Amino acid sequence: MLRQLRPAAFLDRDGVLNEAPVRDGMPTSPASLAELRVLAGVAEACSRLKEAGFLLIAVLTSRLRIAKTWTQHLSAHSGGP
């Protein structure tokens, strides 16, 4: 049985969904949950995407350490390099 494909929205975290705190002149990730500030309009925008039929799958990050760990995890479970 084939499943119907749906469009998906992948949203970045820092600076898109939440404020990116600035440290030493550079935007960073929140250091704690207490420091997390969701940007105005995010909840409404996500609701509108869902209403339009988009599947909200994940919050992506461009943080090298996290991305590298995730890639290693995927490779380990897929038999890849």
C-alpha atoms as a PDB file:
ATOM      1  CA  MET A   1       0.000   0.000   0.000  1.00  0.00           C
ATOM      2  CA  LEU A   2       1.442   3.363  -1.028  1.00  0.00           C
ATOM      3  CA  ARG A   3       1.200   6.286   1.316  1.00  0.00           C
ATOM      4  CA  GLN A   4       0.275   9.658  -0.046  1.00  0.00           C
ATOM      5  CA  LEU A   5       3.206  12.063  -0.056  1.00  0.00           C
ATOM      6  CA  ARG A   6       2.840  15.344   1.798  1.00  0.00           C
ATOM      7  CA  PRO A   7       4.957  18.470   1.612  1.00  0.00           C
ATOM      8  CA  ALA A   8       7.165  19.006   4.651  1.00  0.00           C
ATOM      9  CA  ALA A   9       8.503  22.158   6.271  1.00  0.00           C
ATOM     10  CA  PHE A  10      11.957  22.032   7.853  1.00  0.00           C
ATOM     11  CA  LEU A  11      12.553  24.996  10.117  1.00  0.00           C
ATOM     12  CA  ASP A  12      15.883  26.118  11.519  1.00  0.00           C
ATOM     13  CA  ARG A  13      16.015  26.893  15.193  1.00  0.00           C
ATOM     14  CA  ASP A  14      18.312  29.792  16.052  1.00  0.00           C
ATOM     15  CA  GLY A  15      17.115  33.049  14.510  1.00  0.00           C
ATOM     16  CA  VAL A  16      14.073  31.474  12.826  1.00  0.00           C
ATOM     17  CA  LEU A  17      12.069  29.870  15.629  1.00  0.00           C
ATOM     18  CA  ASN A  18      13.863  31.463  18.568  1.00  0.00           C
ATOM     19  CA  GLU A  19      16.080  34.421  19.322  1.00  0.00           C
ATOM     20  CA  ALA A  20      19.763  33.715  18.813  1.00  0.00           C
ATOM     21  CA  PRO A  21      21.585  35.245  21.803  1.00  0.00           C
ATOM     22  CA  VAL A  22      24.669  37.214  20.843  1.00  0.00           C
ATOM     23  CA  ARG A  23      27.910  36.397  22.656  1.00  0.00           C
ATOM     24  CA  ASP A  24      31.225  37.990  21.738  1.00  0.00           C
ATOM     25  CA  GLY A  25      29.514  39.627  18.761  1.00  0.00           C
ATOM     26  CA  MET A  26      28.322  36.306  17.299  1.00  0.00           C
ATOM     27  CA  PRO A  27      24.832  34.769  17.319  1.00  0.00           C
ATOM     28  CA  THR A  28      24.723  31.561  19.371  1.00  0.00           C
ATOM     29  CA  SER A  29      22.248  29.025  20.672  1.00  0.00           C
ATOM     30  CA  PRO A  30      20.473  29.529  23.998  1.00  0.00           C
ATOM     31  CA  ALA A  31      22.640  28.068  26.763  1.00  0.00           C
ATOM     32  CA  SER A  32      19.635  26.896  28.791  1.00  0.00           C
ATOM     33  CA  LEU A  33      15.877  26.513  28.616  1.00  0.00           C
ATOM     34  CA  ALA A  34      15.584  29.678  30.711  1.00  0.00           C
ATOM     35  CA  GLU A  35      17.424  31.580  27.959  1.00  0.00           C
ATOM     36  CA  LEU A  36      15.149  30.260  25.171  1.00  0.00           C
ATOM     37  CA  ARG A  37      12.907  32.986  23.684  1.00  0.00           C
ATOM     38  CA  VAL A  38      10.502  31.876  20.953  1.00  0.00           C
ATOM     39  CA  LEU A  39      10.048  34.588  18.327  1.00  0.00           C
ATOM     40  CA  ALA A  40       6.720  36.336  17.917  1.00  0.00           C
ATOM     41  CA  GLY A  41       4.518  34.754  15.283  1.00  0.00           C
ATOM     42  CA  VAL A  42       6.164  31.314  15.322  1.00  0.00           C
ATOM     43  CA  ALA A  43       3.154  29.458  16.741  1.00  0.00           C
ATOM     44  CA  GLU A  44       0.811  31.107  14.245  1.00  0.00           C
ATOM     45  CA  ALA A  45       3.161  30.424  11.332  1.00  0.00           C
ATOM     46  CA  CYS A  46       3.455  26.729  12.285  1.00  0.00           C
ATOM     47  CA  SER A  47      -0.336  26.490  12.568  1.00  0.00           C
ATOM     48  CA  ARG A  48      -0.738  28.026   9.117  1.00  0.00           C
ATOM     49  CA  LEU A  49       1.769  25.582   7.634  1.00  0.00           C
ATOM     50  CA  LYS A  50      -0.114  22.648   9.147  1.00  0.00           C
ATOM     51  CA  GLU A  51      -3.452  24.028   7.917  1.00  0.00           C
ATOM     52  CA  ALA A  52      -1.944  24.257   4.426  1.00  0.00           C
ATOM     53  CA  GLY A  53      -1.127  20.540   4.565  1.00  0.00           C
ATOM     54  CA  PHE A  54       2.552  20.709   5.486  1.00  0.00           C
ATOM     55  CA  LEU A  55       4.034  18.116   7.785  1.00  0.00           C
ATOM     56  CA  LEU A  56       6.210  19.740  10.439  1.00  0.00           C
ATOM     57  CA  ILE A  57       8.857  17.080  10.862  1.00  0.00           C
ATOM     58  CA  ALA A  58      11.829  18.464  12.698  1.00  0.00           C
ATOM     59  CA  VAL A  59      13.802  21.438  13.787  1.00  0.00           C
ATOM     60  CA  LEU A  60      17.138  21.464  12.011  1.00  0.00           C
ATOM     61  CA  THR A  61      20.395  22.924  13.199  1.00  0.00           C
ATOM     62  CA  SER A  62      23.524  23.962  11.405  1.00  0.00           C
ATOM     63  CA  ARG A  63      25.640  23.434  14.489  1.00  0.00           C
ATOM     64  CA  LEU A  64      28.569  21.350  13.275  1.00  0.00           C
ATOM     65  CA  ARG A  65      28.961  19.226  16.430  1.00  0.00           C
ATOM     66  CA  ILE A  66      25.296  18.208  16.462  1.00  0.00           C
ATOM     67  CA  ALA A  67      25.135  17.667  12.706  1.00  0.00           C
ATOM     68  CA  LYS A  68      28.288  15.521  12.759  1.00  0.00           C
ATOM     69  CA  THR A  69      26.963  13.374  15.625  1.00  0.00           C
ATOM     70  CA  TRP A  70      23.615  12.896  13.831  1.00  0.00           C
ATOM     71  CA  THR A  71      25.374  11.945  10.592  1.00  0.00           C
ATOM     72  CA  GLN A  72      27.494   9.398  12.458  1.00  0.00           C
ATOM     73  CA  HIS A  73      24.340   7.998  14.076  1.00  0.00           C
ATOM     74  CA  LEU A  74      22.595   7.656  10.704  1.00  0.00           C
ATOM     75  CA  SER A  75      25.639   6.011   9.138  1.00  0.00           C
ATOM     76  CA  ALA A  76      25.921   3.528  11.994  1.00  0.00           C
ATOM     77  CA  HIS A  77      22.295   2.489  11.599  1.00  0.00           C
ATOM     78  CA  SER A  78      22.274   2.374   7.805  1.00  0.00           C
ATOM     79  CA  GLY A  79      25.532   0.510   7.329  1.00  0.00           C
ATOM     80  CA  GLY A  80      27.045   3.533   5.581  1.00  0.00           C
ATOM     81  CA  PRO A  81      30.582   4.888   5.899  1.00  0.00           C
END
